[in-house]
Amino acid sequence: MKKFFTLLLLSSLAGSCVPTFKMFEKDGKLLGVLPLVNGRVLYRETIQTPELPKEEVFRRARRWWVDNYRSAKDVFQLVDKDTGEIVGKGWGNVYTGKGLSLATHHIFHVISFDVSEDEYTVTVYGLQIENDITRQYFKSKNQTSAELPIERFNIGTVKYAQAIFTEIDQETRLTLKYLNGYIKKQNSTH
């Protein structure tokens, strides 16, 4: 009986609280938090690097992945020194709530890094979320993957989604800041 009510609650939450991301787009942001480009969450920054040769920027970017992911070999999807492109998939956690109600949300992402003369562009996209609620929901549908594109996240209240999105936004901006600082540091020892 308890299982029935849990499934009933999950199915009602999944379909009713946040019907579509378009309904909650505000100032080009999903729920007023995550940046949207053509209906997809996307972060993009172009950074000027006239003081660094293209090859050094590429090397530092590749090294950043190695230093920040457990297995860069598993993360890299594309590494092309000639075109200056690096694409990697990874994941991290964000947390909401406090104490016993602390919830962990796994956030999967793609980071694309394009180096050209005097600048590089870094893009974060393809965000997906997995947490206890998405795992239970997909399990009830007999699906093995519990990763949900962030634009389709519609479980819980708008306030709940905004809390998660705020944490995702802060972590993504912090990652970009750290990556950009890593690239620009003058005395790279690696």
Protein backbone atom coordinates (compact mmCIF):
# COMPACT_ATOMS: atom_id res chain seq x y z
CA MET A 1 0.00 0.00 0.00
CA LYS A 2 2.83 2.38 0.89
CA LYS A 3 4.46 1.64 -2.48
CA PHE A 4 1.19 2.43 -4.25
CA PHE A 5 0.93 5.85 -2.59
CA THR A 6 4.58 6.62 -3.35
CA LEU A 7 4.03 5.81 -7.04
CA LEU A 8 0.81 7.79 -7.08
CA LEU A 9 2.57 10.79 -5.55
CA LEU A 10 5.50 10.54 -7.97
CA SER A 11 3.28 10.27 -11.02
CA SER A 12 1.19 13.25 -9.95
CA LEU A 13 4.28 15.32 -9.18
CA ALA A 14 5.96 14.38 -12.44
CA GLY A 15 3.15 15.64 -14.57
CA SER A 16 1.65 18.62 -12.82
CA CYS A 17 3.94 21.02 -11.02
CA VAL A 18 6.22 22.38 -13.74
CA PRO A 19 4.40 21.53 -16.99
CA THR A 20 6.95 22.97 -19.43
CA PHE A 21 10.04 25.10 -19.12
CA LYS A 22 8.55 27.65 -21.55
CA MET A 23 5.82 28.50 -19.07
CA PHE A 24 8.49 29.47 -16.54
CA GLU A 25 10.99 31.25 -18.77
CA LYS A 26 11.76 34.66 -17.33
CA ASP A 27 14.31 37.04 -18.80
CA GLY A 28 15.83 34.23 -20.87
CA LYS A 29 16.24 31.98 -17.85
CA LEU A 30 14.59 28.74 -16.76
CA LEU A 31 12.53 29.56 -13.66
CA GLY A 32 14.43 32.86 -13.59
CA VAL A 33 17.68 31.02 -12.72
CA LEU A 34 19.35 28.92 -15.44
CA PRO A 35 20.32 30.65 -18.73
CA LEU A 36 18.36 29.48 -21.78
CA VAL A 37 19.46 29.64 -25.41
CA ASN A 38 16.94 28.30 -27.93
CA GLY A 39 15.05 26.51 -25.15
CA ARG A 40 18.13 24.73 -23.75
CA VAL A 41 20.17 25.53 -20.64
CA LEU A 42 23.53 26.79 -21.85
CA TYR A 43 26.45 28.70 -20.34
CA ARG A 44 28.97 30.26 -22.74
CA GLU A 45 31.93 32.52 -22.13
CA THR A 46 34.58 33.81 -24.50
CA ILE A 47 37.81 34.80 -22.77
CA GLN A 48 40.57 36.88 -24.37
CA THR A 49 44.09 35.43 -24.03
CA PRO A 50 46.40 37.60 -26.14
CA GLU A 51 49.29 36.90 -23.74
CA LEU A 52 49.16 33.12 -24.26
CA PRO A 53 49.85 31.10 -27.41
CA LYS A 54 46.98 28.91 -28.63
CA GLU A 55 48.97 25.73 -27.90
CA GLU A 56 49.52 26.74 -24.26
CA VAL A 57 45.83 27.57 -23.73
CA PHE A 58 44.91 24.17 -25.20
CA ARG A 59 47.46 22.38 -22.98
CA ARG A 60 46.22 24.14 -19.84
CA ALA A 61 42.59 23.36 -20.69
CA ARG A 62 43.36 19.69 -21.19
CA ARG A 63 45.35 19.68 -17.95
CA TRP A 64 42.40 21.24 -16.10
CA TRP A 65 40.27 18.22 -17.05
CA VAL A 66 42.98 15.83 -15.89
CA ASP A 67 43.30 17.65 -12.55
CA ASN A 68 39.55 17.94 -11.93
CA TYR A 69 38.03 14.63 -13.00
CA ARG A 70 38.86 11.17 -11.67
CA SER A 71 39.53 9.73 -15.09
CA ALA A 72 40.10 12.23 -17.87
CA LYS A 73 40.29 9.28 -20.26
CA ASP A 74 36.65 8.47 -19.48
CA VAL A 75 35.61 12.13 -19.58
CA PHE A 76 37.11 13.20 -22.92
CA GLN A 77 34.80 12.78 -25.89
CA LEU A 78 36.97 14.80 -28.28
CA VAL A 79 40.50 16.18 -28.03
CA ASP A 80 41.73 17.75 -31.27
CA LYS A 81 44.88 19.84 -30.98
CA ASP A 82 44.69 20.95 -34.62
CA THR A 83 41.23 22.52 -34.31
CA GLY A 84 41.68 23.49 -30.65
CA GLU A 85 38.61 21.55 -29.53
CA ILE A 86 38.12 19.64 -26.31
CA VAL A 87 34.76 18.16 -25.36
CA GLY A 88 34.26 16.31 -22.12
CA LYS A 89 31.37 14.82 -20.19
CA GLY A 90 31.33 14.83 -16.44
CA TRP A 91 29.18 15.14 -13.38
CA GLY A 92 29.09 16.72 -9.97
CA ASN A 93 26.76 17.02 -7.03
CA VAL A 94 24.64 19.85 -5.70
CA TYR A 95 22.83 19.74 -2.39
CA THR A 96 19.55 21.17 -1.15
CA GLY A 97 17.93 21.11 2.26
CA LYS A 98 19.53 20.77 5.67
CA GLY A 99 20.14 18.07 8.24
CA LEU A 100 17.99 15.01 7.75
CA SER A 101 16.28 16.58 4.75
CA LEU A 102 19.57 17.12 2.89
CA ALA A 103 19.17 15.91 -0.69
CA THR A 104 21.94 15.08 -3.15
CA HIS A 105 21.38 15.81 -6.83
CA HIS A 106 23.81 14.40 -9.42
CA ILE A 107 24.23 16.87 -12.27
CA PHE A 108 25.65 15.56 -15.54
CA HIS A 109 27.07 18.04 -18.04
CA VAL A 110 29.09 18.51 -21.21
CA ILE A 111 31.88 21.08 -21.37
CA SER A 112 33.10 22.20 -24.77
CA PHE A 113 36.33 24.17 -25.07
CA ASP A 114 37.29 25.85 -28.35
CA VAL A 115 40.67 27.58 -28.63
CA SER A 116 41.53 30.06 -31.35
CA GLU A 117 44.24 32.71 -31.61
CA ASP A 118 44.01 35.17 -28.71
CA GLU A 119 40.84 33.69 -27.18
CA TYR A 120 38.91 30.62 -26.18
CA THR A 121 35.23 29.85 -25.75
CA VAL A 122 33.98 27.50 -23.07
CA THR A 123 30.41 26.18 -23.20
CA VAL A 124 28.55 24.13 -20.61
CA TYR A 125 25.43 22.36 -21.89
CA GLY A 126 23.54 19.08 -21.87
CA LEU A 127 22.72 19.35 -18.16
CA GLN A 128 20.85 16.37 -16.74
CA ILE A 129 19.71 15.68 -13.20
CA GLU A 130 19.45 12.46 -11.22
CA ASN A 131 18.27 12.22 -7.63
CA ASP A 132 16.22 9.88 -5.44
CA ILE A 133 12.94 11.14 -6.91
CA THR A 134 13.98 10.71 -10.54
CA ARG A 135 15.37 7.25 -9.76
CA GLN A 136 12.07 6.18 -8.17
CA TYR A 137 10.05 7.70 -11.00
CA PHE A 138 12.05 5.99 -13.76
CA LYS A 139 12.15 2.72 -11.83
CA SER A 140 8.34 2.77 -11.74
CA LYS A 141 8.43 3.09 -15.54
CA ASN A 142 10.90 0.15 -15.79
CA GLN A 143 13.59 2.41 -17.23
CA THR A 144 17.21 1.88 -16.27
CA SER A 145 18.43 5.46 -16.69
CA ALA A 146 17.27 8.02 -14.15
CA GLU A 147 18.96 11.03 -15.78
CA LEU A 148 16.51 13.71 -16.82
CA PRO A 149 17.36 16.72 -19.02
CA ILE A 150 17.27 19.73 -16.74
CA GLU A 151 14.81 21.53 -19.03
CA ARG A 152 12.30 18.71 -18.42
CA PHE A 153 12.72 18.56 -14.66
CA ASN A 154 9.15 18.83 -13.39
CA ILE A 155 9.20 17.00 -10.09
CA GLY A 156 8.14 18.87 -6.98
CA THR A 157 7.15 22.49 -6.61
CA VAL A 158 8.49 25.49 -8.48
CA LYS A 159 10.23 26.58 -5.26
CA TYR A 160 11.92 23.15 -4.99
CA ALA A 161 13.10 23.32 -8.61
CA GLN A 162 14.35 26.89 -8.13
CA ALA A 163 16.38 25.80 -5.09
CA ILE A 164 18.03 23.03 -7.13
CA PHE A 165 18.54 25.33 -10.13
CA THR A 166 20.13 27.99 -7.92
CA GLU A 167 22.66 25.45 -6.63
CA ILE A 168 23.36 24.24 -10.19
CA ASP A 169 23.85 27.82 -11.37
CA GLN A 170 26.26 28.63 -8.52
CA GLU A 171 28.30 25.45 -9.08
CA THR A 172 28.45 25.97 -12.85
CA ARG A 173 29.58 29.59 -12.50
CA LEU A 174 32.16 28.53 -9.91
CA THR A 175 33.46 25.83 -12.26
CA LEU A 176 33.77 28.34 -15.10
CA LYS A 177 35.54 30.83 -12.83
CA TYR A 178 37.96 28.13 -11.66
CA LEU A 179 38.60 26.90 -15.22
CA ASN A 180 39.23 30.43 -16.48
CA GLY A 181 41.58 31.14 -13.56
CA TYR A 182 43.42 27.90 -14.23
CA ILE A 183 43.90 28.79 -17.91
CA LYS A 184 45.05 32.34 -17.22
CA LYS A 185 47.48 31.62 -14.39
CA GLN A 186 50.88 32.85 -15.51
CA ASN A 187 53.18 30.31 -13.89
CA SER A 188 51.59 27.02 -14.92
CA THR A 189 53.83 24.30 -13.51
CA HIS A 190 52.27 21.39 -15.42
